[in-house]
Structures are given as structure tokens and as C-alpha cells.
């Protein structure tokens, strides 16, 4: 509800020549949140695979999660 009120205000200000609303910031924020959830899922799956002696797959998932985490930290 609060976001829609802010959006209406931004559009109103844009018509006056003020702030131009952009969706890029919201889209990037959403993509980062999805990537963080993916990292958490990979780490959870890696922890589930370790007791099943599938260590190579677990280590690969952990490496991918670590690499993606580093990329996100450099972007933010």
C-alpha cells in the first residue's frame, strides 16, 4: 500500500519536472534478493548431500554459492 502511494507521488513529481521514476532500481533489488535465496538453497542442498557421501556435488554447490556471493558483494 505504501509503495503505491510513493509511486503515485513520484509520477506526480515527474509531471512537474521533478523525480523521474525508474523501475531499474527495484528490478535490480529483486534480482539480488532472488540470488541471495538461491545461495541459501545451494548451501542447504550441499549440507543435505554431505551425509549421503555425494561430496563432489556438495563441494561444487558450495563453490558456486561462494562465487555468486562474492559477485553480489562486489556489486553492492
C-alpha atoms as a PDB file:
ATOM      1  CA  UNK A   1       0.000   0.000   0.000  1.00  0.00           C
ATOM      2  CA  UNK A   2       2.757   2.414   0.961  1.00  0.00           C
ATOM      3  CA  UNK A   3       4.709   1.620  -2.231  1.00  0.00           C
ATOM      4  CA  UNK A   4       1.754   2.505  -4.427  1.00  0.00           C
ATOM      5  CA  UNK A   5       1.369   5.859  -2.654  1.00  0.00           C
ATOM      6  CA  UNK A   6       5.077   6.566  -3.201  1.00  0.00           C
ATOM      7  CA  UNK A   7       4.794   5.608  -6.860  1.00  0.00           C
ATOM      8  CA  UNK A   8       1.842   7.964  -7.344  1.00  0.00           C
ATOM      9  CA  UNK A   9       3.836  10.775  -5.736  1.00  0.00           C
ATOM     10  CA  UNK A  10       6.843  10.042  -7.937  1.00  0.00           C
ATOM     11  CA  UNK A  11       4.710  10.157 -11.088  1.00  0.00           C
ATOM     12  CA  UNK A  12       3.093  13.385  -9.928  1.00  0.00           C
ATOM     13  CA  UNK A  13       6.522  14.949  -9.305  1.00  0.00           C
ATOM     14  CA  UNK A  14       7.787  13.680 -12.653  1.00  0.00           C
ATOM     15  CA  UNK A  15       4.973  15.529 -14.396  1.00  0.00           C
ATOM     16  CA  UNK A  16       6.165  18.713 -12.697  1.00  0.00           C
ATOM     17  CA  UNK A  17       9.721  18.098 -13.865  1.00  0.00           C
ATOM     18  CA  UNK A  18      10.983  16.573 -10.634  1.00  0.00           C
ATOM     19  CA  UNK A  19      11.979  12.974  -9.990  1.00  0.00           C
ATOM     20  CA  UNK A  20      11.622  10.599 -12.897  1.00  0.00           C
ATOM     21  CA  UNK A  21      10.501   7.212 -11.613  1.00  0.00           C
ATOM     22  CA  UNK A  22      12.594   4.261 -12.739  1.00  0.00           C
ATOM     23  CA  UNK A  23      11.962   0.602 -12.271  1.00  0.00           C
ATOM     24  CA  UNK A  24      15.593  -0.408 -12.761  1.00  0.00           C
ATOM     25  CA  UNK A  25      16.451   0.039  -9.085  1.00  0.00           C
ATOM     26  CA  UNK A  26      13.501  -2.119  -7.981  1.00  0.00           C
ATOM     27  CA  UNK A  27      14.267  -4.770 -10.594  1.00  0.00           C
ATOM     28  CA  UNK A  28      17.927  -4.975  -9.570  1.00  0.00           C
ATOM     29  CA  UNK A  29      16.915  -5.204  -5.898  1.00  0.00           C
ATOM     30  CA  UNK A  30      14.547  -8.058  -6.751  1.00  0.00           C
ATOM     31  CA  UNK A  31      17.261  -9.897  -8.720  1.00  0.00           C
ATOM     32  CA  UNK A  32      19.699  -9.562  -5.827  1.00  0.00           C
ATOM     33  CA  UNK A  33      17.097 -10.954  -3.419  1.00  0.00           C
ATOM     34  CA  UNK A  34      16.491 -13.903  -5.748  1.00  0.00           C
ATOM     35  CA  UNK A  35      20.236 -14.555  -5.987  1.00  0.00           C
ATOM     36  CA  UNK A  36      20.567 -14.483  -2.191  1.00  0.00           C
ATOM     37  CA  UNK A  37      17.737 -17.023  -1.879  1.00  0.00           C
ATOM     38  CA  UNK A  38      19.475 -19.186  -4.494  1.00  0.00           C
ATOM     39  CA  UNK A  39      22.716 -19.078  -2.496  1.00  0.00           C
ATOM     40  CA  UNK A  40      20.839 -20.167   0.626  1.00  0.00           C
ATOM     41  CA  UNK A  41      19.171 -23.043  -1.262  1.00  0.00           C
ATOM     42  CA  UNK A  42      22.510 -24.207  -2.688  1.00  0.00           C
ATOM     43  CA  UNK A  43      24.123 -24.210   0.741  1.00  0.00           C
ATOM     44  CA  UNK A  44      21.163 -26.088   2.251  1.00  0.00           C
ATOM     45  CA  UNK A  45      21.295 -28.682  -0.530  1.00  0.00           C
ATOM     46  CA  UNK A  46      25.061 -29.033  -0.095  1.00  0.00           C
ATOM     47  CA  UNK A  47      24.574 -29.727   3.621  1.00  0.00           C
ATOM     48  CA  UNK A  48      21.959 -32.362   2.771  1.00  0.00           C
ATOM     49  CA  UNK A  49      24.270 -34.073   0.266  1.00  0.00           C
ATOM     50  CA  UNK A  50      27.281 -34.379   2.578  1.00  0.00           C
ATOM     51  CA  UNK A  51      25.833 -37.168   4.775  1.00  0.00           C
ATOM     52  CA  UNK A  52      24.868 -39.069   1.621  1.00  0.00           C
ATOM     53  CA  UNK A  53      28.552 -39.181   0.585  1.00  0.00           C
ATOM     54  CA  UNK A  54      27.979 -37.066  -2.508  1.00  0.00           C
ATOM     55  CA  UNK A  55      30.829 -34.790  -1.530  1.00  0.00           C
ATOM     56  CA  UNK A  56      31.856 -33.728  -5.038  1.00  0.00           C
ATOM     57  CA  UNK A  57      28.390 -32.339  -5.798  1.00  0.00           C
ATOM     58  CA  UNK A  58      28.172 -30.726  -2.355  1.00  0.00           C
ATOM     59  CA  UNK A  59      31.545 -29.031  -2.814  1.00  0.00           C
ATOM     60  CA  UNK A  60      30.562 -27.839  -6.287  1.00  0.00           C
ATOM     61  CA  UNK A  61      27.375 -26.279  -4.907  1.00  0.00           C
ATOM     62  CA  UNK A  62      29.302 -24.618  -2.082  1.00  0.00           C
ATOM     63  CA  UNK A  63      31.847 -23.241  -4.561  1.00  0.00           C
ATOM     64  CA  UNK A  64      29.090 -21.869  -6.791  1.00  0.00           C
ATOM     65  CA  UNK A  65      27.340 -20.302  -3.805  1.00  0.00           C
ATOM     66  CA  UNK A  66      30.611 -18.745  -2.647  1.00  0.00           C
ATOM     67  CA  UNK A  67      31.392 -17.354  -6.117  1.00  0.00           C
ATOM     68  CA  UNK A  68      27.905 -15.887  -6.517  1.00  0.00           C
ATOM     69  CA  UNK A  69      28.108 -14.404  -3.033  1.00  0.00           C
ATOM     70  CA  UNK A  70      31.422 -12.721  -3.924  1.00  0.00           C
ATOM     71  CA  UNK A  71      29.949 -11.305  -7.138  1.00  0.00           C
ATOM     72  CA  UNK A  72      26.994  -9.847  -5.236  1.00  0.00           C
ATOM     73  CA  UNK A  73      29.256  -8.330  -2.596  1.00  0.00           C
ATOM     74  CA  UNK A  74      31.315  -6.605  -5.310  1.00  0.00           C
ATOM     75  CA  UNK A  75      28.169  -5.230  -6.998  1.00  0.00           C
ATOM     76  CA  UNK A  76      26.646  -3.809  -3.816  1.00  0.00           C
END
